[in-house]
Amino acid sequence: MREILSMIIVLSAICSASGLCLAYLKDTTAPIIEAQVLTYVQGPAIENVYPAADNKPIEERKAFEVEGRRIMVFPFMQGGKLQGVALEGSGGGYGGDLGVMVGFNISNDSLLGISVTQMTEIPGLGTKIAEPKFSGQFKGSPLSVVLKSKGGNIVAISGATLSSTGAVTAVQPAVRDFQALKPQIQQTWQ
């Protein structure tokens, strides 16, 4: 009985020490991981969405709360005036989760464009959603983005309908967040 109690105490101590080490590592690496994502994933996506910005959207980003979720908003300025913002949305594609950076024109409530930030689609087919031929269709679109087959204005990629649908689906939560945050966004940067 004494041996079993001894093993339980030793195993509990080992598990506790391991848990503390993992928590410490997570806390210390979180800012480094966030900086890497901003530099190598979101930064290029933001530049694709609105290359004419004369500010630094990554450095001027602000976090907002929508329905208990933290939403990061990246502003696009020209001549010191807010022209648009970018938010990230996600949806399900053929290969899994799909992340899309969505740019919004503040003055006329239209899309500035999209840029894919995360995907696991089939190479050579589903990955075509990241190419300008597909993603360029979103520029100037109204906020209600729908595939052409469902009465909208976005033409799906032949053979990659689920990936195309995933991209459109990923835009929709960003649109909802933009509409919910627009008054706060305008108050923050104007």
N, C-alpha and C. Protein backbone atom coordinates (compact mmCIF):
# COMPACT_ATOMS: atom_id res chain seq x y z
N MET A 1 0.81 -1.18 0.00
CA MET A 1 0.00 0.00 0.00
C MET A 1 0.86 1.26 0.00
N ARG A 2 1.95 1.20 0.77
CA ARG A 2 2.86 2.31 0.88
C ARG A 2 3.53 2.60 -0.48
N GLU A 3 3.85 1.55 -1.22
CA GLU A 3 4.49 1.71 -2.54
C GLU A 3 3.55 2.38 -3.53
N ILE A 4 2.29 2.01 -3.50
CA ILE A 4 1.29 2.60 -4.40
C ILE A 4 1.13 4.09 -4.09
N LEU A 5 1.04 4.42 -2.82
CA LEU A 5 0.92 5.81 -2.40
C LEU A 5 2.14 6.61 -2.84
N SER A 6 3.30 6.02 -2.71
CA SER A 6 4.56 6.65 -3.13
C SER A 6 4.55 6.93 -4.64
N MET A 7 4.11 5.96 -5.43
CA MET A 7 4.05 6.13 -6.89
C MET A 7 3.06 7.23 -7.26
N ILE A 8 1.95 7.28 -6.59
CA ILE A 8 0.93 8.30 -6.88
C ILE A 8 1.50 9.70 -6.60
N ILE A 9 2.21 9.84 -5.49
CA ILE A 9 2.79 11.13 -5.14
C ILE A 9 3.86 11.53 -6.16
N VAL A 10 4.72 10.61 -6.53
CA VAL A 10 5.78 10.91 -7.51
C VAL A 10 5.18 11.26 -8.86
N LEU A 11 4.21 10.48 -9.32
CA LEU A 11 3.57 10.77 -10.61
C LEU A 11 2.84 12.11 -10.58
N SER A 12 2.19 12.42 -9.47
CA SER A 12 1.50 13.72 -9.34
C SER A 12 2.50 14.87 -9.41
N ALA A 13 3.64 14.71 -8.75
CA ALA A 13 4.68 15.76 -8.78
C ALA A 13 5.22 15.93 -10.20
N ILE A 14 5.46 14.84 -10.90
CA ILE A 14 5.97 14.90 -12.27
C ILE A 14 4.95 15.58 -13.19
N CYS A 15 3.69 15.20 -13.06
CA CYS A 15 2.63 15.81 -13.89
C CYS A 15 2.48 17.29 -13.60
N SER A 16 2.54 17.67 -12.33
CA SER A 16 2.43 19.08 -11.95
C SER A 16 3.60 19.88 -12.52
N ALA A 17 4.80 19.36 -12.39
CA ALA A 17 5.99 20.05 -12.92
C ALA A 17 5.91 20.18 -14.44
N SER A 18 5.47 19.13 -15.10
CA SER A 18 5.33 19.18 -16.57
C SER A 18 4.29 20.21 -16.98
N GLY A 19 3.17 20.25 -16.28
CA GLY A 19 2.12 21.22 -16.58
C GLY A 19 2.61 22.65 -16.39
N LEU A 20 3.35 22.90 -15.31
CA LEU A 20 3.89 24.24 -15.07
C LEU A 20 4.89 24.63 -16.16
N CYS A 21 5.73 23.69 -16.58
CA CYS A 21 6.70 23.98 -17.64
C CYS A 21 5.99 24.31 -18.95
N LEU A 22 4.96 23.56 -19.31
CA LEU A 22 4.23 23.82 -20.55
C LEU A 22 3.50 25.16 -20.50
N ALA A 23 2.93 25.49 -19.35
CA ALA A 23 2.24 26.78 -19.20
C ALA A 23 3.24 27.93 -19.33
N TYR A 24 4.40 27.78 -18.73
CA TYR A 24 5.44 28.81 -18.82
C TYR A 24 5.90 28.97 -20.28
N LEU A 25 6.14 27.87 -20.97
CA LEU A 25 6.57 27.94 -22.37
C LEU A 25 5.52 28.60 -23.24
N LYS A 26 4.25 28.29 -23.01
CA LYS A 26 3.18 28.89 -23.79
C LYS A 26 3.14 30.40 -23.58
N ASP A 27 3.25 30.82 -22.33
CA ASP A 27 3.22 32.25 -22.02
C ASP A 27 4.42 32.99 -22.59
N THR A 28 5.58 32.39 -22.56
CA THR A 28 6.78 33.08 -23.06
C THR A 28 6.88 33.08 -24.58
N THR A 29 6.32 32.07 -25.23
CA THR A 29 6.41 32.03 -26.70
C THR A 29 5.24 32.69 -27.42
N ALA A 30 4.14 32.96 -26.71
CA ALA A 30 2.96 33.55 -27.35
C ALA A 30 3.27 34.87 -28.06
N PRO A 31 3.98 35.83 -27.43
CA PRO A 31 4.27 37.08 -28.14
C PRO A 31 5.18 36.88 -29.36
N ILE A 32 6.09 35.94 -29.28
CA ILE A 32 7.00 35.66 -30.39
C ILE A 32 6.22 35.07 -31.56
N ILE A 33 5.32 34.15 -31.26
CA ILE A 33 4.50 33.53 -32.31
C ILE A 33 3.59 34.58 -32.94
N GLU A 34 2.99 35.45 -32.13
CA GLU A 34 2.13 36.50 -32.67
C GLU A 34 2.91 37.43 -33.60
N ALA A 35 4.13 37.79 -33.21
CA ALA A 35 4.96 38.65 -34.05
C ALA A 35 5.30 37.97 -35.38
N GLN A 36 5.58 36.67 -35.35
CA GLN A 36 5.88 35.94 -36.57
C GLN A 36 4.67 35.87 -37.50
N VAL A 37 3.49 35.64 -36.94
CA VAL A 37 2.26 35.59 -37.74
C VAL A 37 2.00 36.96 -38.37
N LEU A 38 2.16 38.02 -37.59
CA LEU A 38 1.96 39.37 -38.12
C LEU A 38 2.95 39.69 -39.24
N THR A 39 4.19 39.29 -39.08
CA THR A 39 5.23 39.61 -40.06
C THR A 39 5.13 38.78 -41.33
N TYR A 40 4.92 37.49 -41.18
CA TYR A 40 5.03 36.59 -42.33
C TYR A 40 3.71 36.08 -42.91
N VAL A 41 2.60 36.28 -42.21
CA VAL A 41 1.31 35.80 -42.72
C VAL A 41 0.36 36.97 -42.93
N GLN A 42 0.02 37.67 -41.85
CA GLN A 42 -0.96 38.74 -41.97
C GLN A 42 -0.40 39.97 -42.67
N GLY A 43 0.86 40.29 -42.45
CA GLY A 43 1.47 41.46 -43.09
C GLY A 43 1.40 41.41 -44.61
N PRO A 44 1.90 40.32 -45.23
CA PRO A 44 1.79 40.23 -46.69
C PRO A 44 0.34 40.20 -47.18
N ALA A 45 -0.55 39.59 -46.42
CA ALA A 45 -1.96 39.55 -46.82
C ALA A 45 -2.56 40.95 -46.79
N ILE A 46 -2.23 41.72 -45.78
CA ILE A 46 -2.72 43.09 -45.68
C ILE A 46 -2.19 43.93 -46.84
N GLU A 47 -0.93 43.76 -47.16
CA GLU A 47 -0.34 44.50 -48.28
C GLU A 47 -1.01 44.13 -49.61
N ASN A 48 -1.40 42.87 -49.77
CA ASN A 48 -2.12 42.45 -50.99
C ASN A 48 -3.49 43.09 -51.07
N VAL A 49 -4.13 43.26 -49.93
CA VAL A 49 -5.49 43.81 -49.91
C VAL A 49 -5.48 45.30 -50.23
N TYR A 50 -4.51 46.04 -49.66
CA TYR A 50 -4.49 47.49 -49.87
C TYR A 50 -3.05 47.98 -49.94
N PRO A 51 -2.41 47.84 -51.10
CA PRO A 51 -1.00 48.22 -51.21
C PRO A 51 -0.76 49.74 -51.18
N ALA A 52 -1.79 50.55 -51.36
CA ALA A 52 -1.61 52.01 -51.44
C ALA A 52 -1.60 52.70 -50.09
N ALA A 53 -1.69 51.98 -49.00
CA ALA A 53 -1.71 52.60 -47.68
C ALA A 53 -0.39 53.30 -47.41
N ASP A 54 -0.48 54.52 -46.85
CA ASP A 54 0.76 55.22 -46.52
C ASP A 54 1.05 55.18 -45.01
N ASN A 55 0.35 54.32 -44.31
CA ASN A 55 0.63 54.09 -42.90
C ASN A 55 1.15 52.67 -42.72
N LYS A 56 1.30 52.27 -41.48
CA LYS A 56 1.75 50.91 -41.15
C LYS A 56 0.61 50.20 -40.42
N PRO A 57 -0.27 49.52 -41.18
CA PRO A 57 -1.45 48.89 -40.57
C PRO A 57 -1.13 47.91 -39.44
N ILE A 58 -0.02 47.18 -39.57
CA ILE A 58 0.34 46.21 -38.53
C ILE A 58 0.62 46.93 -37.20
N GLU A 59 1.37 48.02 -37.27
CA GLU A 59 1.73 48.75 -36.05
C GLU A 59 0.55 49.53 -35.48
N GLU A 60 -0.38 49.94 -36.32
CA GLU A 60 -1.51 50.76 -35.86
C GLU A 60 -2.77 49.94 -35.58
N ARG A 61 -2.65 48.63 -35.57
CA ARG A 61 -3.81 47.76 -35.36
C ARG A 61 -4.39 47.97 -33.97
N LYS A 62 -5.68 47.69 -33.87
CA LYS A 62 -6.39 47.78 -32.60
C LYS A 62 -7.26 46.54 -32.43
N ALA A 63 -7.41 46.11 -31.20
CA ALA A 63 -8.27 44.97 -30.89
C ALA A 63 -9.61 45.49 -30.39
N PHE A 64 -10.69 44.87 -30.87
CA PHE A 64 -12.04 45.20 -30.46
C PHE A 64 -12.72 43.92 -30.00
N GLU A 65 -13.78 44.07 -29.23
CA GLU A 65 -14.57 42.92 -28.76
C GLU A 65 -15.89 42.88 -29.52
N VAL A 66 -16.21 41.71 -30.05
CA VAL A 66 -17.51 41.47 -30.67
C VAL A 66 -18.02 40.14 -30.15
N GLU A 67 -19.13 40.19 -29.46
CA GLU A 67 -19.77 38.98 -28.92
C GLU A 67 -18.78 38.10 -28.15
N GLY A 68 -17.94 38.73 -27.34
CA GLY A 68 -16.98 38.00 -26.53
C GLY A 68 -15.74 37.52 -27.26
N ARG A 69 -15.61 37.86 -28.54
CA ARG A 69 -14.43 37.49 -29.32
C ARG A 69 -13.54 38.71 -29.52
N ARG A 70 -12.24 38.48 -29.55
CA ARG A 70 -11.28 39.55 -29.80
C ARG A 70 -11.03 39.62 -31.31
N ILE A 71 -11.32 40.79 -31.91
CA ILE A 71 -11.17 41.00 -33.34
C ILE A 71 -10.07 42.03 -33.55
N MET A 72 -9.07 41.67 -34.35
CA MET A 72 -7.98 42.59 -34.66
C MET A 72 -8.34 43.34 -35.95
N VAL A 73 -8.25 44.67 -35.90
CA VAL A 73 -8.59 45.52 -37.04
C VAL A 73 -7.34 46.29 -37.46
N PHE A 74 -7.04 46.24 -38.76
CA PHE A 74 -5.87 46.88 -39.33
C PHE A 74 -6.33 48.06 -40.20
N PRO A 75 -5.95 49.31 -39.87
CA PRO A 75 -6.42 50.47 -40.62
C PRO A 75 -5.57 50.78 -41.86
N PHE A 76 -6.21 51.29 -42.91
CA PHE A 76 -5.53 51.77 -44.11
C PHE A 76 -5.74 53.27 -44.19
N MET A 77 -4.65 54.02 -44.14
CA MET A 77 -4.72 55.48 -44.18
C MET A 77 -4.05 55.99 -45.45
N GLN A 78 -4.58 57.10 -45.96
CA GLN A 78 -3.95 57.83 -47.04
C GLN A 78 -4.11 59.31 -46.74
N GLY A 79 -3.00 60.02 -46.71
CA GLY A 79 -3.06 61.44 -46.39
C GLY A 79 -3.60 61.70 -45.00
N GLY A 80 -3.38 60.78 -44.08
CA GLY A 80 -3.85 60.94 -42.72
C GLY A 80 -5.33 60.65 -42.52
N LYS A 81 -6.00 60.19 -43.55
CA LYS A 81 -7.44 59.91 -43.46
C LYS A 81 -7.70 58.42 -43.63
N LEU A 82 -8.61 57.89 -42.82
CA LEU A 82 -8.96 56.47 -42.88
C LEU A 82 -9.68 56.16 -44.19
N GLN A 83 -9.12 55.24 -44.97
CA GLN A 83 -9.71 54.82 -46.24
C GLN A 83 -10.40 53.46 -46.12
N GLY A 84 -9.83 52.60 -45.29
CA GLY A 84 -10.39 51.26 -45.14
C GLY A 84 -9.76 50.53 -43.97
N VAL A 85 -10.24 49.33 -43.75
CA VAL A 85 -9.70 48.48 -42.69
C VAL A 85 -9.66 47.04 -43.21
N ALA A 86 -8.89 46.22 -42.52
CA ALA A 86 -8.84 44.79 -42.84
C ALA A 86 -9.13 44.00 -41.58
N LEU A 87 -9.89 42.93 -41.76
CA LEU A 87 -10.20 41.99 -40.68
C LEU A 87 -10.01 40.59 -41.24
N GLU A 88 -9.71 39.65 -40.37
CA GLU A 88 -9.54 38.28 -40.83
C GLU A 88 -10.80 37.48 -40.56
N GLY A 89 -11.20 36.70 -41.55
CA GLY A 89 -12.35 35.81 -41.41
C GLY A 89 -11.91 34.38 -41.69
N SER A 90 -12.73 33.42 -41.29
CA SER A 90 -12.39 32.03 -41.55
C SER A 90 -13.63 31.24 -41.92
N GLY A 91 -13.41 30.18 -42.65
CA GLY A 91 -14.48 29.29 -43.08
C GLY A 91 -13.89 27.93 -43.40
N GLY A 92 -14.73 27.01 -43.72
CA GLY A 92 -14.27 25.66 -44.03
C GLY A 92 -14.11 25.46 -45.53
N GLY A 93 -12.96 25.02 -45.93
CA GLY A 93 -12.71 24.69 -47.33
C GLY A 93 -12.73 23.18 -47.51
N TYR A 94 -12.25 22.71 -48.65
CA TYR A 94 -12.23 21.28 -48.92
C TYR A 94 -11.24 20.56 -48.00
N GLY A 95 -10.08 21.17 -47.78
CA GLY A 95 -9.03 20.52 -47.00
C GLY A 95 -9.03 20.87 -45.53
N GLY A 96 -9.92 21.74 -45.10
CA GLY A 96 -9.94 22.15 -43.70
C GLY A 96 -10.21 23.64 -43.58
N ASP A 97 -9.75 24.20 -42.47
CA ASP A 97 -9.99 25.62 -42.22
C ASP A 97 -9.29 26.49 -43.25
N LEU A 98 -9.97 27.59 -43.57
CA LEU A 98 -9.48 28.54 -44.55
C LEU A 98 -9.53 29.92 -43.92
N GLY A 99 -8.41 30.63 -43.90
CA GLY A 99 -8.36 31.98 -43.34
C GLY A 99 -8.19 33.00 -44.46
N VAL A 100 -8.92 34.11 -44.36
CA VAL A 100 -8.89 35.13 -45.40
C VAL A 100 -8.82 36.51 -44.74
N MET A 101 -7.86 37.33 -45.18
CA MET A 101 -7.81 38.74 -44.75
C MET A 101 -8.72 39.50 -45.71
N VAL A 102 -9.69 40.22 -45.16
CA VAL A 102 -10.69 40.92 -45.96
C VAL A 102 -10.54 42.43 -45.75
N GLY A 103 -10.39 43.16 -46.86
CA GLY A 103 -10.29 44.62 -46.79
C GLY A 103 -11.64 45.25 -47.07
N PHE A 104 -11.96 46.31 -46.31
CA PHE A 104 -13.24 47.00 -46.45
C PHE A 104 -13.01 48.48 -46.74
N ASN A 105 -13.76 49.01 -47.70
CA ASN A 105 -13.75 50.43 -48.00
C ASN A 105 -14.72 51.09 -47.03
N ILE A 106 -14.23 52.02 -46.23
CA ILE A 106 -15.06 52.67 -45.20
C ILE A 106 -16.12 53.58 -45.82
N SER A 107 -15.77 54.26 -46.91
CA SER A 107 -16.68 55.28 -47.44
C SER A 107 -17.90 54.72 -48.16
N ASN A 108 -17.75 53.58 -48.84
CA ASN A 108 -18.90 53.07 -49.60
C ASN A 108 -19.31 51.64 -49.24
N ASP A 109 -18.82 51.12 -48.12
CA ASP A 109 -19.17 49.77 -47.66
C ASP A 109 -19.05 48.73 -48.76
N SER A 110 -17.88 48.68 -49.38
CA SER A 110 -17.59 47.63 -50.37
C SER A 110 -16.28 46.95 -49.96
N LEU A 111 -15.96 45.89 -50.68
CA LEU A 111 -14.73 45.16 -50.39
C LEU A 111 -13.56 45.78 -51.16
N LEU A 112 -12.42 45.90 -50.48
CA LEU A 112 -11.19 46.33 -51.15
C LEU A 112 -10.49 45.12 -51.76
N GLY A 113 -10.79 43.96 -51.25
CA GLY A 113 -10.19 42.72 -51.75
C GLY A 113 -10.01 41.71 -50.63
N ILE A 114 -9.48 40.55 -51.01
CA ILE A 114 -9.18 39.50 -50.03
C ILE A 114 -7.80 38.94 -50.32
N SER A 115 -7.23 38.33 -49.31
CA SER A 115 -5.96 37.62 -49.46
C SER A 115 -5.97 36.44 -48.50
N VAL A 116 -5.61 35.28 -48.99
CA VAL A 116 -5.65 34.05 -48.18
C VAL A 116 -4.50 34.05 -47.18
N THR A 117 -4.83 33.77 -45.91
CA THR A 117 -3.81 33.71 -44.86
C THR A 117 -3.55 32.28 -44.39
N GLN A 118 -4.52 31.40 -44.57
CA GLN A 118 -4.37 30.02 -44.12
C GLN A 118 -5.21 29.11 -45.00
N MET A 119 -4.60 28.01 -45.47
CA MET A 119 -5.38 27.02 -46.22
C MET A 119 -4.65 25.70 -46.28
N THR A 120 -5.44 24.65 -46.43
CA THR A 120 -4.90 23.30 -46.60
C THR A 120 -5.61 22.65 -47.78
N GLU A 121 -5.78 23.43 -48.83
CA GLU A 121 -6.50 22.95 -50.01
C GLU A 121 -5.59 22.10 -50.90
N ILE A 122 -6.18 21.41 -51.85
CA ILE A 122 -5.43 20.54 -52.77
C ILE A 122 -4.52 21.39 -53.65
N PRO A 123 -3.21 21.13 -53.62
CA PRO A 123 -2.27 21.91 -54.44
C PRO A 123 -2.64 21.83 -55.93
N GLY A 124 -2.58 22.97 -56.59
CA GLY A 124 -2.84 23.03 -58.02
C GLY A 124 -4.30 23.16 -58.38
N LEU A 125 -5.18 22.90 -57.46
CA LEU A 125 -6.61 23.01 -57.75
C LEU A 125 -7.26 23.95 -56.73
N GLY A 126 -7.40 23.50 -55.51
CA GLY A 126 -8.02 24.34 -54.47
C GLY A 126 -7.18 25.54 -54.11
N THR A 127 -5.86 25.43 -54.28
CA THR A 127 -4.99 26.56 -53.96
C THR A 127 -5.14 27.72 -54.93
N LYS A 128 -5.90 27.52 -56.00
CA LYS A 128 -6.15 28.60 -56.95
C LYS A 128 -6.97 29.73 -56.35
N ILE A 129 -7.59 29.50 -55.20
CA ILE A 129 -8.34 30.57 -54.55
C ILE A 129 -7.42 31.72 -54.12
N ALA A 130 -6.13 31.43 -53.96
CA ALA A 130 -5.17 32.47 -53.57
C ALA A 130 -4.65 33.26 -54.77
N GLU A 131 -4.94 32.79 -55.97
CA GLU A 131 -4.45 33.47 -57.17
C GLU A 131 -5.32 34.67 -57.51
N PRO A 132 -4.71 35.71 -58.12
CA PRO A 132 -5.46 36.93 -58.44
C PRO A 132 -6.69 36.72 -59.33
N LYS A 133 -6.67 35.68 -60.17
CA LYS A 133 -7.82 35.44 -61.04
C LYS A 133 -9.10 35.19 -60.22
N PHE A 134 -8.96 34.51 -59.11
CA PHE A 134 -10.11 34.27 -58.24
C PHE A 134 -10.26 35.39 -57.21
N SER A 135 -9.21 35.65 -56.44
CA SER A 135 -9.31 36.62 -55.35
C SER A 135 -9.56 38.03 -55.85
N GLY A 136 -9.16 38.35 -57.07
CA GLY A 136 -9.39 39.67 -57.64
C GLY A 136 -10.86 40.00 -57.87
N GLN A 137 -11.70 38.98 -57.93
CA GLN A 137 -13.14 39.20 -58.13
C GLN A 137 -13.80 39.92 -56.95
N PHE A 138 -13.18 39.87 -55.79
CA PHE A 138 -13.77 40.46 -54.59
C PHE A 138 -13.59 41.97 -54.53
N LYS A 139 -12.59 42.49 -55.26
CA LYS A 139 -12.31 43.92 -55.22
C LYS A 139 -13.50 44.70 -55.78
N GLY A 140 -14.01 45.63 -54.97
CA GLY A 140 -15.15 46.46 -55.37
C GLY A 140 -16.50 45.79 -55.19
N SER A 141 -16.52 44.56 -54.73
CA SER A 141 -17.79 43.84 -54.52
C SER A 141 -18.56 44.44 -53.35
N PRO A 142 -19.89 44.31 -53.41
CA PRO A 142 -20.68 44.72 -52.23
C PRO A 142 -20.39 43.74 -51.08
N LEU A 143 -20.82 44.10 -49.89
CA LEU A 143 -20.54 43.28 -48.72
C LEU A 143 -21.25 41.93 -48.76
N SER A 144 -22.33 41.83 -49.50
CA SER A 144 -23.04 40.55 -49.61
C SER A 144 -22.42 39.72 -50.74
N VAL A 145 -21.36 39.00 -50.40
CA VAL A 145 -20.62 38.21 -51.38
C VAL A 145 -21.25 36.83 -51.50
N VAL A 146 -21.58 36.45 -52.76
CA VAL A 146 -22.21 35.16 -53.03
C VAL A 146 -21.64 34.62 -54.33
N LEU A 147 -21.52 33.30 -54.41
CA LEU A 147 -21.06 32.68 -55.66
C LEU A 147 -22.08 32.91 -56.78
N LYS A 148 -21.59 32.99 -58.00
CA LYS A 148 -22.45 33.23 -59.17
C LYS A 148 -23.50 32.13 -59.32
N SER A 149 -23.14 30.89 -59.00
CA SER A 149 -24.08 29.78 -59.11
C SER A 149 -25.27 29.93 -58.16
N LYS A 150 -25.12 30.80 -57.16
CA LYS A 150 -26.21 31.03 -56.20
C LYS A 150 -26.78 32.44 -56.35
N GLY A 151 -26.52 33.04 -57.52
CA GLY A 151 -27.09 34.35 -57.81
C GLY A 151 -26.19 35.53 -57.47
N GLY A 152 -24.93 35.28 -57.16
CA GLY A 152 -24.02 36.35 -56.78
C GLY A 152 -23.10 36.79 -57.90
N ASN A 153 -21.96 37.35 -57.51
CA ASN A 153 -21.04 37.91 -58.49
C ASN A 153 -19.66 37.24 -58.51
N ILE A 154 -19.43 36.22 -57.70
CA ILE A 154 -18.12 35.56 -57.64
C ILE A 154 -18.19 34.24 -58.40
N VAL A 155 -17.33 34.09 -59.41
CA VAL A 155 -17.28 32.88 -60.22
C VAL A 155 -16.38 31.86 -59.52
N ALA A 156 -16.92 30.68 -59.24
CA ALA A 156 -16.17 29.62 -58.57
C ALA A 156 -15.13 29.03 -59.51
N ILE A 157 -14.10 28.44 -58.93
CA ILE A 157 -13.07 27.76 -59.71
C ILE A 157 -13.60 26.39 -60.11
N SER A 158 -13.56 26.09 -61.38
CA SER A 158 -14.05 24.81 -61.88
C SER A 158 -13.24 23.68 -61.26
N GLY A 159 -13.91 22.73 -60.65
CA GLY A 159 -13.25 21.60 -60.01
C GLY A 159 -12.86 21.86 -58.57
N ALA A 160 -13.03 23.10 -58.13
CA ALA A 160 -12.69 23.47 -56.75
C ALA A 160 -13.83 24.26 -56.13
N THR A 161 -15.02 23.76 -56.32
CA THR A 161 -16.21 24.46 -55.82
C THR A 161 -16.20 24.57 -54.30
N LEU A 162 -15.78 23.53 -53.61
CA LEU A 162 -15.75 23.59 -52.14
C LEU A 162 -14.73 24.60 -51.64
N SER A 163 -13.61 24.71 -52.32
CA SER A 163 -12.61 25.71 -51.94
C SER A 163 -13.14 27.11 -52.21
N SER A 164 -13.79 27.30 -53.35
CA SER A 164 -14.38 28.60 -53.70
C SER A 164 -15.47 28.98 -52.69
N THR A 165 -16.31 28.01 -52.35
CA THR A 165 -17.36 28.23 -51.36
C THR A 165 -16.75 28.57 -50.01
N GLY A 166 -15.66 27.89 -49.66
CA GLY A 166 -14.97 28.16 -48.40
C GLY A 166 -14.43 29.58 -48.33
N ALA A 167 -13.90 30.08 -49.46
CA ALA A 167 -13.39 31.45 -49.49
C ALA A 167 -14.52 32.45 -49.28
N VAL A 168 -15.64 32.23 -49.95
CA VAL A 168 -16.80 33.12 -49.80
C VAL A 168 -17.33 33.02 -48.37
N THR A 169 -17.38 31.83 -47.84
CA THR A 169 -17.85 31.62 -46.47
C THR A 169 -16.93 32.31 -45.47
N ALA A 170 -15.62 32.32 -45.74
CA ALA A 170 -14.65 32.96 -44.84
C ALA A 170 -14.82 34.48 -44.82
N VAL A 171 -15.32 35.05 -45.91
CA VAL A 171 -15.52 36.49 -45.98
C VAL A 171 -16.72 36.91 -45.12
N GLN A 172 -17.73 36.08 -45.04
CA GLN A 172 -18.98 36.45 -44.36
C GLN A 172 -18.83 36.80 -42.88
N PRO A 173 -18.05 36.04 -42.07
CA PRO A 173 -17.91 36.47 -40.66
C PRO A 173 -17.14 37.79 -40.54
N ALA A 174 -16.19 38.02 -41.45
CA ALA A 174 -15.47 39.30 -41.44
C ALA A 174 -16.42 40.45 -41.76
N VAL A 175 -17.35 40.23 -42.68
CA VAL A 175 -18.35 41.25 -43.02
C VAL A 175 -19.23 41.55 -41.81
N ARG A 176 -19.69 40.51 -41.13
CA ARG A 176 -20.52 40.71 -39.94
C ARG A 176 -19.77 41.49 -38.86
N ASP A 177 -18.50 41.14 -38.65
CA ASP A 177 -17.70 41.84 -37.65
C ASP A 177 -17.47 43.29 -38.06
N PHE A 178 -17.20 43.54 -39.34
CA PHE A 178 -17.02 44.90 -39.83
C PHE A 178 -18.28 45.74 -39.60
N GLN A 179 -19.42 45.19 -39.94
CA GLN A 179 -20.67 45.93 -39.77
C GLN A 179 -20.94 46.23 -38.29
N ALA A 180 -20.61 45.29 -37.42
CA ALA A 180 -20.81 45.51 -35.99
C ALA A 180 -19.83 46.54 -35.43
N LEU A 181 -18.63 46.59 -35.99
CA LEU A 181 -17.58 47.46 -35.45
C LEU A 181 -17.45 48.81 -36.16
N LYS A 182 -18.13 49.00 -37.28
CA LYS A 182 -17.91 50.20 -38.08
C LYS A 182 -18.00 51.51 -37.29
N PRO A 183 -19.01 51.71 -36.43
CA PRO A 183 -19.03 52.96 -35.65
C PRO A 183 -17.79 53.13 -34.75
N GLN A 184 -17.37 52.05 -34.11
CA GLN A 184 -16.18 52.12 -33.25
C GLN A 184 -14.92 52.37 -34.08
N ILE A 185 -14.84 51.75 -35.25
CA ILE A 185 -13.69 51.93 -36.13
C ILE A 185 -13.58 53.40 -36.55
N GLN A 186 -14.69 53.97 -36.98
CA GLN A 186 -14.67 55.37 -37.43
C GLN A 186 -14.32 56.31 -36.28
N GLN A 187 -14.81 56.01 -35.09
CA GLN A 187 -14.51 56.85 -33.93
C GLN A 187 -13.04 56.72 -33.54
N THR A 188 -12.45 55.53 -33.69
CA THR A 188 -11.07 55.29 -33.29
C THR A 188 -10.08 56.01 -34.19
N TRP A 189 -10.29 55.96 -35.50
CA TRP A 189 -9.28 56.49 -36.42
C TRP A 189 -9.67 57.81 -37.08
N GLN A 190 -10.73 58.48 -36.65
CA GLN A 190 -11.08 59.77 -37.28
C GLN A 190 -11.09 60.89 -36.31
